[in-house]
Amino acid sequence: MSTRHTITFEIDTAGLGRVTDAHLAALWHIAQHNPAPHGDRDAGELAGSIGFEIIRRWLAKAPPELYHHQARDHYWKELSGLGKWRDGQFVPGGVRVDGKVISPAEREDARVGAVKALVEAWDNGEIRVGPKGDVLLRNLARTYETGQETTP
């Protein structure tokens, strides 16, 4: 009795929709173990055809996600960060930053800190912004030094 065996598989990609799930899974493994060199066009098309049939079947059986993402979700998330309805009245609140609601005072502190860091990086020559940006950053620097808004 021989210990070596050669098996040849013939796969009809036009008939993939008629094979059982178990047969399709076996064909997937056969296609992946194809001795053709990596990048071979026919081997890739065979694996792709089998893979698309697997995905088609999976999607046909998967319950649809109907309302996970909605067009209005982004706007609602942004608006709900501005406050909450309590006892029929809108109560202004904080703003969301990285999923956390922060108070208006915390928001202003964060904004001031970010602007100061930007102006400091500009002052140190770490960033370049061009002539219009220079005017804007110069005015921002004066605003946070004096506490009074300046105009160009």
C-alpha atoms as a PDB file:
ATOM      1  CA  MET A   1       0.000   0.000   0.000  1.00  0.00           C
ATOM      2  CA  SER A   2       1.345   3.400  -1.011  1.00  0.00           C
ATOM      3  CA  THR A   3       1.774   6.166   1.553  1.00  0.00           C
ATOM      4  CA  ARG A   4       1.590   8.919  -1.059  1.00  0.00           C
ATOM      5  CA  HIS A   5      -1.641   9.973  -2.698  1.00  0.00           C
ATOM      6  CA  THR A   6      -2.461  12.538  -5.349  1.00  0.00           C
ATOM      7  CA  ILE A   7      -5.891  14.101  -5.372  1.00  0.00           C
ATOM      8  CA  THR A   8      -7.119  16.447  -8.058  1.00  0.00           C
ATOM      9  CA  PHE A   9     -10.054  18.789  -7.454  1.00  0.00           C
ATOM     10  CA  GLU A  10     -12.268  20.240 -10.131  1.00  0.00           C
ATOM     11  CA  ILE A  11     -14.230  23.252  -8.945  1.00  0.00           C
ATOM     12  CA  ASP A  12     -17.097  24.690 -10.992  1.00  0.00           C
ATOM     13  CA  THR A  13     -17.360  28.315  -9.841  1.00  0.00           C
ATOM     14  CA  ALA A  14     -20.624  28.718 -11.764  1.00  0.00           C
ATOM     15  CA  GLY A  15     -22.199  26.064  -9.526  1.00  0.00           C
ATOM     16  CA  LEU A  16     -21.058  27.387  -6.121  1.00  0.00           C
ATOM     17  CA  GLY A  17     -24.599  28.479  -5.263  1.00  0.00           C
ATOM     18  CA  ARG A  18     -25.759  24.842  -5.439  1.00  0.00           C
ATOM     19  CA  VAL A  19     -23.225  23.204  -3.093  1.00  0.00           C
ATOM     20  CA  THR A  20     -23.841  22.614   0.619  1.00  0.00           C
ATOM     21  CA  ASP A  21     -22.298  24.876   3.268  1.00  0.00           C
ATOM     22  CA  ALA A  22     -19.916  22.061   4.317  1.00  0.00           C
ATOM     23  CA  HIS A  23     -18.837  21.525   0.709  1.00  0.00           C
ATOM     24  CA  LEU A  24     -18.312  25.283   0.266  1.00  0.00           C
ATOM     25  CA  ALA A  25     -16.146  25.398   3.410  1.00  0.00           C
ATOM     26  CA  ALA A  26     -14.044  22.537   2.067  1.00  0.00           C
ATOM     27  CA  LEU A  27     -13.661  24.345  -1.267  1.00  0.00           C
ATOM     28  CA  TRP A  28     -12.446  27.445   0.594  1.00  0.00           C
ATOM     29  CA  HIS A  29      -9.687  25.420   2.245  1.00  0.00           C
ATOM     30  CA  ILE A  30      -8.788  23.757  -1.035  1.00  0.00           C
ATOM     31  CA  ALA A  31      -8.519  27.148  -2.746  1.00  0.00           C
ATOM     32  CA  GLN A  32      -6.299  28.456   0.064  1.00  0.00           C
ATOM     33  CA  HIS A  33      -3.981  25.454  -0.225  1.00  0.00           C
ATOM     34  CA  ASN A  34      -3.715  25.710  -3.991  1.00  0.00           C
ATOM     35  CA  PRO A  35      -0.038  25.097  -4.898  1.00  0.00           C
ATOM     36  CA  ALA A  36      -0.101  27.974  -7.415  1.00  0.00           C
ATOM     37  CA  PRO A  37       2.395  30.766  -6.643  1.00  0.00           C
ATOM     38  CA  HIS A  38       1.192  33.674  -4.534  1.00  0.00           C
ATOM     39  CA  GLY A  39      -0.290  36.342  -6.796  1.00  0.00           C
ATOM     40  CA  ASP A  40      -1.466  33.852  -9.433  1.00  0.00           C
ATOM     41  CA  ARG A  41      -4.497  35.381 -11.168  1.00  0.00           C
ATOM     42  CA  ASP A  42      -6.544  32.178 -11.544  1.00  0.00           C
ATOM     43  CA  ALA A  43      -5.870  31.119  -7.945  1.00  0.00           C
ATOM     44  CA  GLY A  44      -6.949  34.547  -6.714  1.00  0.00           C
ATOM     45  CA  GLU A  45     -10.120  34.565  -8.801  1.00  0.00           C
ATOM     46  CA  LEU A  46     -11.033  31.079  -7.563  1.00  0.00           C
ATOM     47  CA  ALA A  47     -10.559  32.070  -3.911  1.00  0.00           C
ATOM     48  CA  GLY A  48     -12.494  35.290  -4.559  1.00  0.00           C
ATOM     49  CA  SER A  49     -15.448  33.448  -6.130  1.00  0.00           C
ATOM     50  CA  ILE A  50     -15.657  31.027  -3.207  1.00  0.00           C
ATOM     51  CA  GLY A  51     -15.241  33.834  -0.674  1.00  0.00           C
ATOM     52  CA  PHE A  52     -18.009  35.906  -2.272  1.00  0.00           C
ATOM     53  CA  GLU A  53     -20.375  32.916  -2.121  1.00  0.00           C
ATOM     54  CA  ILE A  54     -19.558  32.448   1.571  1.00  0.00           C
ATOM     55  CA  ILE A  55     -20.220  36.135   2.239  1.00  0.00           C
ATOM     56  CA  ARG A  56     -23.429  36.077   0.174  1.00  0.00           C
ATOM     57  CA  ARG A  57     -24.765  33.176   2.239  1.00  0.00           C
ATOM     58  CA  TRP A  58     -23.724  34.744   5.512  1.00  0.00           C
ATOM     59  CA  LEU A  59     -25.402  38.045   4.666  1.00  0.00           C
ATOM     60  CA  ALA A  60     -28.546  36.239   3.539  1.00  0.00           C
ATOM     61  CA  LYS A  61     -28.818  34.648   7.004  1.00  0.00           C
ATOM     62  CA  ALA A  62     -27.689  37.666   9.060  1.00  0.00           C
ATOM     63  CA  PRO A  63     -30.475  39.775  10.554  1.00  0.00           C
ATOM     64  CA  PRO A  64     -30.272  43.304   9.176  1.00  0.00           C
ATOM     65  CA  GLU A  65     -29.134  46.160  11.405  1.00  0.00           C
ATOM     66  CA  LEU A  66     -31.891  48.637  10.583  1.00  0.00           C
ATOM     67  CA  TYR A  67     -31.414  51.583  12.893  1.00  0.00           C
ATOM     68  CA  HIS A  68     -27.837  51.452  14.183  1.00  0.00           C
ATOM     69  CA  HIS A  69     -26.698  54.545  12.240  1.00  0.00           C
ATOM     70  CA  GLN A  70     -29.147  57.273  11.308  1.00  0.00           C
ATOM     71  CA  ALA A  71     -28.611  60.564   9.492  1.00  0.00           C
ATOM     72  CA  ARG A  72     -29.715  62.538  12.547  1.00  0.00           C
ATOM     73  CA  ASP A  73     -27.423  60.787  15.075  1.00  0.00           C
ATOM     74  CA  HIS A  74     -24.475  63.174  14.732  1.00  0.00           C
ATOM     75  CA  TYR A  75     -26.638  66.264  15.214  1.00  0.00           C
ATOM     76  CA  TRP A  76     -28.469  64.762  18.172  1.00  0.00           C
ATOM     77  CA  LYS A  77     -25.165  63.845  19.841  1.00  0.00           C
ATOM     78  CA  GLU A  78     -23.850  67.380  19.364  1.00  0.00           C
ATOM     79  CA  LEU A  79     -27.069  69.036  20.562  1.00  0.00           C
ATOM     80  CA  SER A  80     -27.417  66.770  23.594  1.00  0.00           C
ATOM     81  CA  GLY A  81     -23.967  67.916  24.713  1.00  0.00           C
ATOM     82  CA  LEU A  82     -25.281  71.477  25.047  1.00  0.00           C
ATOM     83  CA  GLY A  83     -27.752  70.646  27.784  1.00  0.00           C
ATOM     84  CA  LYS A  84     -30.596  68.402  28.935  1.00  0.00           C
ATOM     85  CA  TRP A  85     -34.369  68.593  29.244  1.00  0.00           C
ATOM     86  CA  ARG A  86     -35.405  68.479  32.915  1.00  0.00           C
ATOM     87  CA  ASP A  87     -39.020  68.760  34.022  1.00  0.00           C
ATOM     88  CA  GLY A  88     -40.025  70.210  30.667  1.00  0.00           C
ATOM     89  CA  GLN A  89     -37.300  72.880  30.652  1.00  0.00           C
ATOM     90  CA  PHE A  90     -34.022  72.979  28.764  1.00  0.00           C
ATOM     91  CA  VAL A  91     -31.100  73.284  31.165  1.00  0.00           C
ATOM     92  CA  PRO A  92     -27.849  74.339  29.471  1.00  0.00           C
ATOM     93  CA  GLY A  93     -24.959  72.101  30.346  1.00  0.00           C
ATOM     94  CA  GLY A  94     -21.482  71.227  29.307  1.00  0.00           C
ATOM     95  CA  VAL A  95     -20.076  70.188  25.970  1.00  0.00           C
ATOM     96  CA  ARG A  96     -18.804  66.711  25.060  1.00  0.00           C
ATOM     97  CA  VAL A  97     -15.052  66.303  24.755  1.00  0.00           C
ATOM     98  CA  ASP A  98     -13.814  62.760  24.091  1.00  0.00           C
ATOM     99  CA  GLY A  99     -17.201  61.418  25.185  1.00  0.00           C
ATOM    100  CA  LYS A 100     -17.124  63.274  28.529  1.00  0.00           C
ATOM    101  CA  VAL A 101     -19.435  66.203  29.239  1.00  0.00           C
ATOM    102  CA  ILE A 102     -17.474  69.204  30.463  1.00  0.00           C
ATOM    103  CA  SER A 103     -18.810  72.419  31.963  1.00  0.00           C
ATOM    104  CA  PRO A 104     -18.656  75.737  30.103  1.00  0.00           C
ATOM    105  CA  ALA A 105     -15.861  76.862  32.471  1.00  0.00           C
ATOM    106  CA  GLU A 106     -13.832  73.702  31.769  1.00  0.00           C
ATOM    107  CA  ARG A 107     -14.436  74.208  28.058  1.00  0.00           C
ATOM    108  CA  GLU A 108     -13.118  77.774  28.191  1.00  0.00           C
ATOM    109  CA  ASP A 109     -10.082  76.681  30.224  1.00  0.00           C
ATOM    110  CA  ALA A 110      -9.328  73.980  27.639  1.00  0.00           C
ATOM    111  CA  ARG A 111      -9.751  76.464  24.765  1.00  0.00           C
ATOM    112  CA  VAL A 112      -7.495  79.028  26.449  1.00  0.00           C
ATOM    113  CA  GLY A 113      -4.879  76.333  27.142  1.00  0.00           C
ATOM    114  CA  ALA A 114      -4.962  75.135  23.529  1.00  0.00           C
ATOM    115  CA  VAL A 115      -4.635  78.656  22.156  1.00  0.00           C
ATOM    116  CA  LYS A 116      -1.778  79.446  24.555  1.00  0.00           C
ATOM    117  CA  ALA A 117       0.046  76.265  23.484  1.00  0.00           C
ATOM    118  CA  LEU A 118      -0.470  77.178  19.826  1.00  0.00           C
ATOM    119  CA  VAL A 119       0.809  80.731  20.343  1.00  0.00           C
ATOM    120  CA  GLU A 120       3.792  79.446  22.344  1.00  0.00           C
ATOM    121  CA  ALA A 121       4.713  76.964  19.588  1.00  0.00           C
ATOM    122  CA  TRP A 122       4.449  79.806  17.055  1.00  0.00           C
ATOM    123  CA  ASP A 123       6.569  82.121  19.259  1.00  0.00           C
ATOM    124  CA  ASN A 124       9.262  79.437  19.561  1.00  0.00           C
ATOM    125  CA  GLY A 125       9.339  78.930  15.806  1.00  0.00           C
ATOM    126  CA  GLU A 126       8.039  75.354  16.095  1.00  0.00           C
ATOM    127  CA  ILE A 127       5.256  76.071  13.611  1.00  0.00           C
ATOM    128  CA  ARG A 128       4.993  78.405  10.616  1.00  0.00           C
ATOM    129  CA  VAL A 129       1.676  79.701   9.406  1.00  0.00           C
ATOM    130  CA  GLY A 130       2.367  82.395   6.803  1.00  0.00           C
ATOM    131  CA  PRO A 131       1.688  86.163   6.961  1.00  0.00           C
ATOM    132  CA  LYS A 132      -2.090  85.945   7.587  1.00  0.00           C
ATOM    133  CA  GLY A 133      -1.596  83.279  10.235  1.00  0.00           C
ATOM    134  CA  ASP A 134       1.105  85.405  11.887  1.00  0.00           C
ATOM    135  CA  VAL A 135      -1.360  88.306  12.218  1.00  0.00           C
ATOM    136  CA  LEU A 136      -4.024  86.006  13.649  1.00  0.00           C
ATOM    137  CA  LEU A 137      -1.651  84.421  16.182  1.00  0.00           C
ATOM    138  CA  ARG A 138      -0.205  87.802  17.161  1.00  0.00           C
ATOM    139  CA  ASN A 139      -3.740  89.027  17.900  1.00  0.00           C
ATOM    140  CA  LEU A 140      -4.561  85.849  19.834  1.00  0.00           C
ATOM    141  CA  ALA A 141      -1.412  86.315  21.905  1.00  0.00           C
ATOM    142  CA  ARG A 142      -2.426  89.898  22.753  1.00  0.00           C
ATOM    143  CA  THR A 143      -5.971  88.779  23.589  1.00  0.00           C
ATOM    144  CA  TYR A 144      -4.767  86.252  26.153  1.00  0.00           C
ATOM    145  CA  GLU A 145      -2.097  88.570  27.555  1.00  0.00           C
ATOM    146  CA  THR A 146      -4.487  91.488  28.073  1.00  0.00           C
ATOM    147  CA  GLY A 147      -7.805  89.655  28.397  1.00  0.00           C
ATOM    148  CA  GLN A 148      -9.239  91.987  25.731  1.00  0.00           C
ATOM    149  CA  GLU A 149     -10.062  90.978  22.175  1.00  0.00           C
ATOM    150  CA  THR A 150      -8.023  92.656  19.474  1.00  0.00           C
ATOM    151  CA  THR A 151      -8.723  92.971  15.767  1.00  0.00           C
ATOM    152  CA  PRO A 152      -6.194  92.852  12.942  1.00  0.00           C
END
